[in-house]
Amino acid sequence: SDSLLPSIAVPDATALPTERVRAETASAVLRPQYQPSPVEREWARLVAEVDPRECQHAWSNGSRLMARLERDVASSAVFEQSSSFTVGPESQGAALVWPIEPLVSFLRWPAALSPGHTTRAAIMNKSYYQLAPVRAGSRRFLFFDIGASLYSSARAGGDGGSSLRWFRNRYQNLTGSPQPFDHIYAWEGQEYNATVLWDSFPAQVVPFVSYYNVRADARPNAKHNPLRVLTQVARLDDHVVMKLDVDHQATQVALIQQVLGNRRISALIDELFWEHEVAGSAMGCPRLWKGRSGHGWSTMRFDTSQGRGGTLAESYELFGRLRSLGIAAHSWV
């Protein structure tokens, strides 16, 4: 099982290749312990039991999932029962505890699809994220954006807005720093004219960006596997936030499986945002939230075979496993 995987120290990327040594901080960095809230446990059980494979019937009025959603929104359980992470205590001092939004419904804003919230704005709402605190004493704050688009806008056909700008703004507010990231590593498969690409960035951000205008490659040792790059540039005493949204299911699941199966990788990631496209989510039925048919998830076909990560029930499982490794994993939009 994952709990039996050995702890592997991360090479110091600042050393010369012939002088690489194991990071001495391996035993000093404590991983957060995850505690799902009661409402998250109940939703995980319900979704596993119903195991929806289509969306129209599963999320229609009167269905078991919608009945539970309406009850939990009316009681505010989905907003008041946060899950949590705990770190410590070490030899002295109190444990650090912080909340994270529970995994509920179809892994979007918890009130989406409830009465009065059957709109596109509701399913794209990101205000409910409860972000992890940036670790005190971190050497650097690194951001990895896999599926980055332009700084000023989303890729053609996308409608979630610019992730690079959103994350920079959000962490400016969280840290109080005008330049929250010491470095940004970004991948984008849609080819951009170099002038258009770099003109989208504010001048003060450009010195801190490594932008790879190529598709992320999920093969473990591939040149443009972002996780390979992560292990080369990050250390355990860095604070790392990663976003994964490349609109290619096989690539995304393969990368997530590498995180789950390799402690050397998972130990480097503090926070992860991932849009996991699956069967059984209301995202696949845009008519439910006044979206446009023939776009987005409604055009996708999913492999719902056991273990392929193509169902809502398996999405709950994967996010739960990420959190159990101490990664503050959020369902991205």
Protein backbone atom coordinates (compact mmCIF):
# COMPACT_ATOMS: atom_id res chain seq x y z
CA SER A 1 0.00 0.00 0.00
CA ASP A 2 1.01 3.67 -0.19
CA SER A 3 1.74 3.69 3.54
CA LEU A 4 4.47 1.11 2.99
CA LEU A 5 6.36 3.08 0.34
CA PRO A 6 9.83 4.11 1.56
CA SER A 7 10.63 7.74 2.29
CA ILE A 8 13.05 8.96 -0.38
CA ALA A 9 15.03 12.15 0.03
CA VAL A 10 15.06 14.65 -2.82
CA PRO A 11 18.29 15.69 -4.54
CA ASP A 12 19.47 19.24 -4.04
CA ALA A 13 18.94 20.83 -7.45
CA THR A 14 21.41 23.59 -6.65
CA ALA A 15 24.36 21.19 -6.52
CA LEU A 16 26.40 20.06 -9.51
CA PRO A 17 25.27 16.69 -10.93
CA THR A 18 28.39 14.95 -9.59
CA GLU A 19 27.85 16.42 -6.12
CA ARG A 20 24.18 15.70 -5.62
CA VAL A 21 23.34 14.64 -2.10
CA ARG A 22 20.22 13.61 -0.28
CA ALA A 23 18.29 16.50 1.26
CA GLU A 24 18.95 16.53 4.98
CA THR A 25 15.52 17.99 5.63
CA ALA A 26 13.73 14.74 4.73
CA SER A 27 13.17 13.70 8.33
CA ALA A 28 12.48 17.25 9.52
CA VAL A 29 9.53 18.05 7.24
CA LEU A 30 6.34 16.68 8.73
CA ARG A 31 3.52 15.79 6.35
CA PRO A 32 0.02 16.97 7.30
CA GLN A 33 -2.47 14.37 8.51
CA TYR A 34 -5.88 14.50 6.81
CA GLN A 35 -9.24 14.27 8.56
CA PRO A 36 -12.32 14.23 6.30
CA SER A 37 -15.40 15.84 7.79
CA PRO A 38 -18.62 13.87 8.45
CA VAL A 39 -20.35 15.40 5.42
CA GLU A 40 -17.41 14.41 3.17
CA ARG A 41 -17.49 10.82 4.47
CA GLU A 42 -21.23 10.63 3.84
CA TRP A 43 -20.91 11.98 0.30
CA ALA A 44 -18.08 9.57 -0.49
CA ARG A 45 -20.23 6.65 0.65
CA LEU A 46 -23.28 7.89 -1.28
CA VAL A 47 -21.38 8.47 -4.54
CA ALA A 48 -19.67 5.08 -4.25
CA GLU A 49 -23.06 3.43 -3.70
CA VAL A 50 -24.90 5.25 -6.50
CA ASP A 51 -21.82 5.16 -8.77
CA PRO A 52 -23.33 7.44 -11.42
CA ARG A 53 -22.19 6.86 -15.00
CA GLU A 54 -24.46 9.43 -16.67
CA CYS A 55 -25.51 12.87 -15.52
CA GLN A 56 -29.05 13.73 -16.60
CA HIS A 57 -30.81 11.17 -14.40
CA ALA A 58 -28.22 11.17 -11.60
CA TRP A 59 -28.50 14.94 -11.01
CA SER A 60 -32.15 15.55 -11.89
CA ASN A 61 -34.72 16.73 -9.35
CA GLY A 62 -35.79 13.89 -7.08
CA SER A 63 -32.64 11.78 -7.53
CA ARG A 64 -30.79 10.52 -4.46
CA LEU A 65 -27.83 12.77 -5.16
CA MET A 66 -29.95 15.89 -5.63
CA ALA A 67 -32.05 15.14 -2.56
CA ARG A 68 -28.90 14.93 -0.47
CA LEU A 69 -27.42 18.05 -2.05
CA GLU A 70 -30.53 20.12 -1.37
CA ARG A 71 -30.66 18.92 2.24
CA ASP A 72 -26.98 19.67 2.88
CA VAL A 73 -27.17 23.12 1.29
CA ALA A 74 -30.33 23.98 3.25
CA SER A 75 -28.63 22.96 6.51
CA SER A 76 -25.33 24.63 5.48
CA ALA A 77 -23.52 21.35 6.24
CA VAL A 78 -21.48 21.58 3.03
CA PHE A 79 -20.16 24.98 4.13
CA GLU A 80 -19.89 24.54 7.89
CA GLN A 81 -18.33 21.05 8.04
CA SER A 82 -14.84 21.63 6.69
CA SER A 83 -12.38 18.80 6.48
CA SER A 84 -8.95 19.52 7.95
CA PHE A 85 -5.20 18.95 7.99
CA THR A 86 -3.04 18.75 11.10
CA VAL A 87 0.73 19.06 11.39
CA GLY A 88 2.68 18.32 14.56
CA PRO A 89 3.23 18.88 17.29
CA GLU A 90 6.97 18.38 17.08
CA SER A 91 9.01 18.17 20.31
CA GLN A 92 7.37 21.31 21.67
CA GLY A 93 4.50 23.58 20.73
CA ALA A 94 0.94 23.12 19.57
CA ALA A 95 -0.20 21.32 16.45
CA LEU A 96 -1.10 23.44 13.43
CA VAL A 97 -4.60 22.77 12.11
CA TRP A 98 -6.18 24.31 9.02
CA PRO A 99 -9.44 23.69 7.14
CA ILE A 100 -10.02 22.57 3.58
CA GLU A 101 -13.32 22.45 1.73
CA PRO A 102 -14.98 19.00 1.95
CA LEU A 103 -15.31 16.78 -1.12
CA VAL A 104 -19.05 16.86 -1.82
CA SER A 105 -21.59 16.77 -4.66
CA PHE A 106 -19.97 16.64 -8.11
CA LEU A 107 -16.79 18.30 -6.78
CA ARG A 108 -17.64 21.88 -7.66
CA TRP A 109 -18.96 24.77 -5.56
CA PRO A 110 -21.13 22.88 -3.05
CA ALA A 111 -24.29 24.90 -3.71
CA ALA A 112 -24.13 24.48 -7.50
CA LEU A 113 -27.36 22.94 -8.89
CA SER A 114 -29.29 23.66 -5.70
CA PRO A 115 -32.36 25.94 -6.02
CA GLY A 116 -31.31 29.39 -7.17
CA HIS A 117 -27.87 28.21 -8.26
CA THR A 118 -28.48 26.41 -11.56
CA THR A 119 -26.20 28.72 -13.53
CA ARG A 120 -22.85 28.62 -15.23
CA ALA A 121 -21.52 31.14 -12.71
CA ALA A 122 -22.33 28.70 -9.90
CA ILE A 123 -20.39 25.80 -11.36
CA MET A 124 -17.39 28.05 -12.12
CA ASN A 125 -17.35 29.57 -8.60
CA LYS A 126 -13.89 29.32 -7.00
CA SER A 127 -14.61 31.39 -3.89
CA TYR A 128 -15.13 28.34 -1.67
CA TYR A 129 -11.54 27.07 -1.85
CA GLN A 130 -9.86 26.99 1.55
CA LEU A 131 -6.17 27.30 0.78
CA ALA A 132 -3.38 25.78 2.81
CA PRO A 133 -1.10 28.21 4.63
CA VAL A 134 2.32 28.72 3.09
CA ARG A 135 4.73 26.78 5.32
CA ALA A 136 6.70 28.99 7.68
CA GLY A 137 10.39 28.92 6.93
CA SER A 138 9.97 27.68 3.37
CA ARG A 139 13.07 28.17 1.25
CA ARG A 140 11.09 29.15 -1.85
CA PHE A 141 7.48 29.29 -3.05
CA LEU A 142 7.15 27.51 -6.42
CA PHE A 143 4.09 27.33 -8.67
CA PHE A 144 3.65 24.68 -11.39
CA ASP A 145 0.84 25.37 -13.88
CA ILE A 146 0.21 22.42 -16.20
CA GLY A 147 -2.23 23.72 -18.81
CA ALA A 148 -1.36 27.37 -18.29
CA SER A 149 -2.85 29.18 -21.34
CA LEU A 150 -1.88 32.85 -21.48
CA TYR A 151 -1.35 35.00 -18.42
CA SER A 152 -4.11 37.37 -19.49
CA SER A 153 -6.68 34.86 -20.77
CA ALA A 154 -7.64 31.20 -21.16
CA ARG A 155 -6.82 29.17 -24.26
CA ALA A 156 -9.13 29.42 -27.27
CA GLY A 157 -12.35 27.61 -26.45
CA GLY A 158 -11.68 27.74 -22.72
CA ASP A 159 -13.85 29.74 -20.38
CA GLY A 160 -12.33 29.35 -16.94
CA GLY A 161 -10.24 32.50 -17.26
CA SER A 162 -6.50 32.80 -16.82
CA SER A 163 -5.21 30.41 -14.17
CA LEU A 164 -1.81 32.09 -13.96
CA ARG A 165 -3.36 35.46 -13.13
CA TRP A 166 -5.92 33.94 -10.75
CA PHE A 167 -3.29 32.07 -8.74
CA ARG A 168 -0.94 35.04 -8.56
CA ASN A 169 -3.77 37.30 -7.37
CA ARG A 170 -5.04 34.76 -4.86
CA TYR A 171 -1.63 34.12 -3.33
CA GLN A 172 -0.86 37.84 -3.28
CA ASN A 173 -3.86 38.15 -0.99
CA LEU A 174 -2.85 35.12 1.07
CA THR A 175 0.80 36.08 1.56
CA GLY A 176 0.59 39.86 1.40
CA SER A 177 3.44 39.83 -1.11
CA PRO A 178 3.20 41.56 -4.53
CA GLN A 179 5.35 38.74 -5.96
CA PRO A 180 4.20 35.61 -4.07
CA PHE A 181 6.02 33.04 -6.23
CA ASP A 182 9.77 32.75 -6.33
CA HIS A 183 9.37 30.94 -9.64
CA ILE A 184 6.58 29.77 -11.98
CA TYR A 185 6.93 26.70 -14.20
CA ALA A 186 4.23 26.57 -16.88
CA TRP A 187 3.28 24.12 -19.64
CA GLU A 188 0.79 24.76 -22.45
CA GLY A 189 0.16 22.52 -25.45
CA GLN A 190 -1.59 25.13 -27.60
CA GLU A 191 1.08 26.83 -29.65
CA TYR A 192 1.31 30.60 -29.23
CA ASN A 193 3.23 33.23 -31.12
CA ALA A 194 6.11 34.19 -28.84
CA THR A 195 5.22 37.88 -28.92
CA VAL A 196 1.58 37.18 -28.04
CA LEU A 197 2.64 34.83 -25.29
CA TRP A 198 5.08 37.14 -23.52
CA ASP A 199 3.03 40.29 -24.11
CA SER A 200 0.31 38.66 -21.98
CA PHE A 201 2.61 38.75 -18.91
CA PRO A 202 3.17 41.83 -16.74
CA ALA A 203 6.78 42.96 -16.96
CA GLN A 204 7.38 42.33 -13.25
CA VAL A 205 6.39 38.64 -13.61
CA VAL A 206 8.54 37.74 -16.63
CA PRO A 207 11.84 37.26 -14.72
CA PHE A 208 10.22 34.59 -12.56
CA VAL A 209 8.68 32.44 -15.32
CA SER A 210 9.82 29.33 -17.17
CA TYR A 211 7.17 28.78 -19.85
CA TYR A 212 7.23 25.57 -21.94
CA ASN A 213 4.92 25.97 -24.93
CA VAL A 214 4.65 22.20 -25.46
CA ARG A 215 2.29 19.48 -24.31
CA ALA A 216 2.99 17.97 -20.94
CA ASP A 217 4.31 14.44 -21.44
CA ALA A 218 3.16 11.87 -18.86
CA ARG A 219 5.86 9.32 -19.63
CA PRO A 220 7.80 9.01 -16.36
CA ASN A 221 11.22 10.05 -17.64
CA ALA A 222 10.12 12.26 -20.52
CA LYS A 223 11.85 15.60 -21.02
CA HIS A 224 8.59 17.51 -20.56
CA ASN A 225 7.06 15.47 -17.78
CA PRO A 226 6.36 18.24 -15.23
CA LEU A 227 6.86 15.83 -12.34
CA ARG A 228 10.36 14.98 -13.57
CA VAL A 229 11.12 18.70 -13.67
CA LEU A 230 9.63 19.07 -10.18
CA THR A 231 12.03 16.52 -8.72
CA GLN A 232 14.96 18.30 -10.36
CA VAL A 233 14.21 21.84 -9.18
CA ALA A 234 12.31 21.50 -5.89
CA ARG A 235 13.41 20.50 -2.41
CA LEU A 236 11.43 19.36 0.60
CA ASP A 237 11.84 22.76 2.24
CA ASP A 238 10.20 24.53 -0.72
CA HIS A 239 6.46 25.24 -0.68
CA VAL A 240 5.01 23.90 -3.95
CA VAL A 241 1.57 24.55 -5.44
CA MET A 242 0.56 22.74 -8.65
CA LYS A 243 -2.40 23.08 -11.01
CA LEU A 244 -3.27 20.34 -13.52
CA ASP A 245 -5.78 20.97 -16.30
CA VAL A 246 -4.70 19.84 -19.77
CA ASP A 247 -8.08 18.55 -21.02
CA HIS A 248 -6.59 15.17 -21.82
CA GLN A 249 -7.88 12.53 -19.43
CA ALA A 250 -5.19 9.88 -19.95
CA THR A 251 -2.35 12.36 -19.42
CA GLN A 252 -3.88 13.79 -16.27
CA VAL A 253 -4.67 10.44 -14.65
CA ALA A 254 -1.19 9.13 -15.52
CA LEU A 255 0.42 12.12 -13.81
CA ILE A 256 -1.81 11.75 -10.75
CA GLN A 257 -0.96 8.06 -10.51
CA GLN A 258 2.73 8.98 -10.56
CA VAL A 259 2.14 11.38 -7.65
CA LEU A 260 0.27 8.69 -5.72
CA GLY A 261 2.82 5.98 -6.43
CA ASN A 262 6.05 7.84 -5.76
CA ARG A 263 6.76 9.35 -2.36
CA ARG A 264 9.67 11.27 -3.81
CA ILE A 265 7.14 13.21 -5.87
CA SER A 266 4.22 13.47 -3.44
CA ALA A 267 6.47 14.70 -0.62
CA LEU A 268 7.36 17.76 -2.72
CA ILE A 269 3.77 18.92 -3.37
CA ASP A 270 1.94 20.94 -0.72
CA GLU A 271 -1.17 21.93 -2.66
CA LEU A 272 -2.74 20.63 -5.88
CA PHE A 273 -5.60 21.91 -8.04
CA TRP A 274 -6.90 19.40 -10.59
CA GLU A 275 -9.88 19.42 -12.93
CA HIS A 276 -10.74 15.74 -13.25
CA GLU A 277 -13.17 15.12 -16.11
CA VAL A 278 -15.28 12.02 -15.37
CA ALA A 279 -18.53 10.25 -16.20
CA GLY A 280 -21.39 10.82 -13.78
CA SER A 281 -20.67 14.48 -13.04
CA ALA A 282 -23.27 17.17 -13.67
CA MET A 283 -20.56 18.90 -15.68
CA GLY A 284 -21.43 16.53 -18.53
CA CYS A 285 -25.01 17.86 -18.76
CA PRO A 286 -24.77 21.60 -19.44
CA ARG A 287 -28.55 21.95 -19.70
CA LEU A 288 -28.71 21.40 -15.94
CA TRP A 289 -26.81 24.66 -15.36
CA LYS A 290 -27.80 26.69 -18.44
CA GLY A 291 -24.60 25.85 -20.29
CA ARG A 292 -24.10 25.16 -23.97
CA SER A 293 -24.51 21.64 -25.31
CA GLY A 294 -21.78 20.33 -27.55
CA HIS A 295 -18.99 21.91 -25.51
CA GLY A 296 -16.67 20.84 -22.71
CA TRP A 297 -17.39 17.66 -20.81
CA SER A 298 -20.55 16.92 -22.80
CA THR A 299 -18.35 16.08 -25.83
CA MET A 300 -16.04 13.72 -23.92
CA ARG A 301 -16.10 9.94 -23.74
CA PHE A 302 -14.87 8.29 -20.57
CA ASP A 303 -13.33 4.93 -19.82
CA THR A 304 -15.46 3.75 -16.90
CA SER A 305 -13.61 0.47 -16.43
CA GLN A 306 -12.57 -0.13 -12.84
CA GLY A 307 -9.25 1.50 -12.02
CA ARG A 308 -9.14 3.83 -15.04
CA GLY A 309 -10.15 6.93 -13.09
CA GLY A 310 -13.08 7.70 -15.37
CA THR A 311 -16.00 7.87 -12.91
CA LEU A 312 -17.13 10.30 -10.23
CA ALA A 313 -16.75 7.60 -7.59
CA GLU A 314 -13.11 7.10 -8.59
CA SER A 315 -12.56 10.85 -8.57
CA TYR A 316 -13.59 10.92 -4.92
CA GLU A 317 -11.17 8.06 -4.28
CA LEU A 318 -8.24 9.76 -6.04
CA PHE A 319 -8.76 13.11 -4.31
CA GLY A 320 -9.07 11.31 -0.98
CA ARG A 321 -5.81 9.46 -1.56
CA LEU A 322 -4.01 12.68 -2.51
CA ARG A 323 -5.22 14.32 0.67
CA SER A 324 -4.22 11.28 2.74
CA LEU A 325 -0.65 11.85 1.52
CA GLY A 326 -0.71 15.33 3.00
CA ILE A 327 -1.46 17.17 -0.26
CA ALA A 328 -4.15 19.83 -0.02
CA ALA A 329 -5.95 18.67 -3.18
CA HIS A 330 -8.77 20.79 -4.64
CA SER A 331 -11.13 20.08 -7.53
CA TRP A 332 -10.27 22.76 -10.09
CA VAL A 333 -12.79 24.34 -12.44
